């Protein structure tokens, strides 16, 4: 049996999810911000995990958008991996 780096697996899943979460860009995401969603999926190692996405206004409504992604095992939210990226309005 192959040993899996559990935290590394969660981090890789979170990095992939953050890239997908930012695919649309500021203009499209500004139409649905604030918004969040959680769904069950699989990590690159094939483990079941929860994927949480949030789109929040960083400071003021209509300005920069903070994209948050958290990937965690259902029984251990606090051991999950949370990544954030800011999409600037100027970068549209």
C-alpha atoms as a PDB file:
ATOM      1  CA  UNK A   1       0.000   0.000   0.000  1.00  0.00           C
ATOM      2  CA  UNK A   2       1.321   3.443  -0.952  1.00  0.00           C
ATOM      3  CA  UNK A   3       1.495   6.063   1.797  1.00  0.00           C
ATOM      4  CA  UNK A   4      -0.211   9.383   0.999  1.00  0.00           C
ATOM      5  CA  UNK A   5       1.016  12.743   2.286  1.00  0.00           C
ATOM      6  CA  UNK A   6      -2.421  13.778   3.525  1.00  0.00           C
ATOM      7  CA  UNK A   7      -1.678  17.493   3.962  1.00  0.00           C
ATOM      8  CA  UNK A   8       0.153  17.630   0.634  1.00  0.00           C
ATOM      9  CA  UNK A   9      -2.826  15.942  -1.021  1.00  0.00           C
ATOM     10  CA  UNK A  10      -5.237  18.491   0.483  1.00  0.00           C
ATOM     11  CA  UNK A  11      -2.941  21.367  -0.542  1.00  0.00           C
ATOM     12  CA  UNK A  12      -2.736  20.102  -4.123  1.00  0.00           C
ATOM     13  CA  UNK A  13      -6.533  19.792  -4.250  1.00  0.00           C
ATOM     14  CA  UNK A  14      -6.912  23.329  -2.824  1.00  0.00           C
ATOM     15  CA  UNK A  15      -4.465  24.776  -5.359  1.00  0.00           C
ATOM     16  CA  UNK A  16      -6.361  23.158  -8.242  1.00  0.00           C
ATOM     17  CA  UNK A  17      -9.696  24.347  -6.845  1.00  0.00           C
ATOM     18  CA  UNK A  18      -8.411  27.919  -6.407  1.00  0.00           C
ATOM     19  CA  UNK A  19      -7.322  28.003 -10.053  1.00  0.00           C
ATOM     20  CA  UNK A  20     -10.798  26.876 -11.146  1.00  0.00           C
ATOM     21  CA  UNK A  21     -12.460  29.306  -8.735  1.00  0.00           C
ATOM     22  CA  UNK A  22     -10.634  32.212 -10.388  1.00  0.00           C
ATOM     23  CA  UNK A  23     -11.217  31.111 -14.008  1.00  0.00           C
ATOM     24  CA  UNK A  24     -14.049  33.552 -14.644  1.00  0.00           C
ATOM     25  CA  UNK A  25     -12.199  36.700 -13.610  1.00  0.00           C
ATOM     26  CA  UNK A  26     -13.363  39.827 -11.819  1.00  0.00           C
ATOM     27  CA  UNK A  27     -16.061  41.036 -14.240  1.00  0.00           C
ATOM     28  CA  UNK A  28     -18.011  37.760 -14.207  1.00  0.00           C
ATOM     29  CA  UNK A  29     -17.491  37.053 -10.505  1.00  0.00           C
ATOM     30  CA  UNK A  30     -18.593  40.548  -9.473  1.00  0.00           C
ATOM     31  CA  UNK A  31     -22.103  39.606 -10.645  1.00  0.00           C
ATOM     32  CA  UNK A  32     -22.381  36.792  -8.072  1.00  0.00           C
ATOM     33  CA  UNK A  33     -20.304  38.163  -5.175  1.00  0.00           C
ATOM     34  CA  UNK A  34     -20.882  37.546  -2.286  1.00  0.00           C
ATOM     35  CA  UNK A  35     -21.453  33.844  -2.797  1.00  0.00           C
ATOM     36  CA  UNK A  36     -20.271  30.527  -1.403  1.00  0.00           C
ATOM     37  CA  UNK A  37     -20.701  26.823  -1.981  1.00  0.00           C
ATOM     38  CA  UNK A  38     -19.564  23.527  -0.487  1.00  0.00           C
ATOM     39  CA  UNK A  39     -19.544  20.192  -2.263  1.00  0.00           C
ATOM     40  CA  UNK A  40     -18.020  16.742  -1.897  1.00  0.00           C
ATOM     41  CA  UNK A  41     -15.286  15.753  -4.300  1.00  0.00           C
ATOM     42  CA  UNK A  42     -12.028  13.842  -4.543  1.00  0.00           C
ATOM     43  CA  UNK A  43      -8.424  14.866  -3.961  1.00  0.00           C
ATOM     44  CA  UNK A  44      -5.680  14.022  -6.478  1.00  0.00           C
ATOM     45  CA  UNK A  45      -4.928  10.902  -4.380  1.00  0.00           C
ATOM     46  CA  UNK A  46      -8.561   9.813  -4.669  1.00  0.00           C
ATOM     47  CA  UNK A  47      -9.618  10.621  -1.097  1.00  0.00           C
ATOM     48  CA  UNK A  48     -13.089  11.986  -0.452  1.00  0.00           C
ATOM     49  CA  UNK A  49     -13.015  15.612   0.733  1.00  0.00           C
ATOM     50  CA  UNK A  50     -15.190  18.686   1.149  1.00  0.00           C
ATOM     51  CA  UNK A  51     -14.467  21.619  -1.182  1.00  0.00           C
ATOM     52  CA  UNK A  52     -15.623  25.035  -0.006  1.00  0.00           C
ATOM     53  CA  UNK A  53     -15.535  28.166  -2.178  1.00  0.00           C
ATOM     54  CA  UNK A  54     -16.319  31.716  -1.109  1.00  0.00           C
ATOM     55  CA  UNK A  55     -16.350  34.917  -3.119  1.00  0.00           C
ATOM     56  CA  UNK A  56     -16.319  37.961  -0.837  1.00  0.00           C
ATOM     57  CA  UNK A  57     -15.782  41.669  -1.323  1.00  0.00           C
ATOM     58  CA  UNK A  58     -12.315  42.360   0.084  1.00  0.00           C
ATOM     59  CA  UNK A  59     -13.046  45.836   1.398  1.00  0.00           C
ATOM     60  CA  UNK A  60     -15.898  47.673  -0.284  1.00  0.00           C
ATOM     61  CA  UNK A  61     -18.716  46.367  -2.458  1.00  0.00           C
ATOM     62  CA  UNK A  62     -17.786  46.642  -6.128  1.00  0.00           C
ATOM     63  CA  UNK A  63     -14.044  46.653  -5.509  1.00  0.00           C
ATOM     64  CA  UNK A  64     -11.557  43.760  -5.166  1.00  0.00           C
ATOM     65  CA  UNK A  65     -12.877  40.216  -4.682  1.00  0.00           C
ATOM     66  CA  UNK A  66     -11.324  37.823  -2.162  1.00  0.00           C
ATOM     67  CA  UNK A  67     -11.600  34.234  -3.378  1.00  0.00           C
ATOM     68  CA  UNK A  68     -11.297  31.680  -0.566  1.00  0.00           C
ATOM     69  CA  UNK A  69     -10.997  27.928  -1.043  1.00  0.00           C
ATOM     70  CA  UNK A  70     -10.871  25.383   1.767  1.00  0.00           C
ATOM     71  CA  UNK A  71     -10.413  21.647   1.212  1.00  0.00           C
ATOM     72  CA  UNK A  72     -10.850  19.372   4.208  1.00  0.00           C
ATOM     73  CA  UNK A  73     -11.796  15.912   5.386  1.00  0.00           C
ATOM     74  CA  UNK A  74     -15.375  15.943   6.693  1.00  0.00           C
ATOM     75  CA  UNK A  75     -14.254  14.897  10.173  1.00  0.00           C
ATOM     76  CA  UNK A  76     -11.377  17.412  10.430  1.00  0.00           C
ATOM     77  CA  UNK A  77     -12.212  20.912   9.119  1.00  0.00           C
ATOM     78  CA  UNK A  78      -9.498  22.472  11.291  1.00  0.00           C
ATOM     79  CA  UNK A  79      -6.834  20.334   9.570  1.00  0.00           C
ATOM     80  CA  UNK A  80      -7.930  21.405   6.097  1.00  0.00           C
ATOM     81  CA  UNK A  81      -6.048  23.675   3.729  1.00  0.00           C
ATOM     82  CA  UNK A  82      -7.348  27.208   3.122  1.00  0.00           C
ATOM     83  CA  UNK A  83      -6.000  29.335   0.280  1.00  0.00           C
ATOM     84  CA  UNK A  84      -7.005  32.819  -0.814  1.00  0.00           C
ATOM     85  CA  UNK A  85      -6.431  35.029  -3.814  1.00  0.00           C
ATOM     86  CA  UNK A  86      -7.535  38.590  -4.464  1.00  0.00           C
ATOM     87  CA  UNK A  87      -8.919  39.486  -7.878  1.00  0.00           C
ATOM     88  CA  UNK A  88      -8.492  43.205  -8.394  1.00  0.00           C
ATOM     89  CA  UNK A  89     -11.068  45.290 -10.120  1.00  0.00           C
ATOM     90  CA  UNK A  90      -8.303  46.982 -12.086  1.00  0.00           C
ATOM     91  CA  UNK A  91      -7.191  43.570 -13.394  1.00  0.00           C
ATOM     92  CA  UNK A  92     -10.667  42.790 -14.761  1.00  0.00           C
END
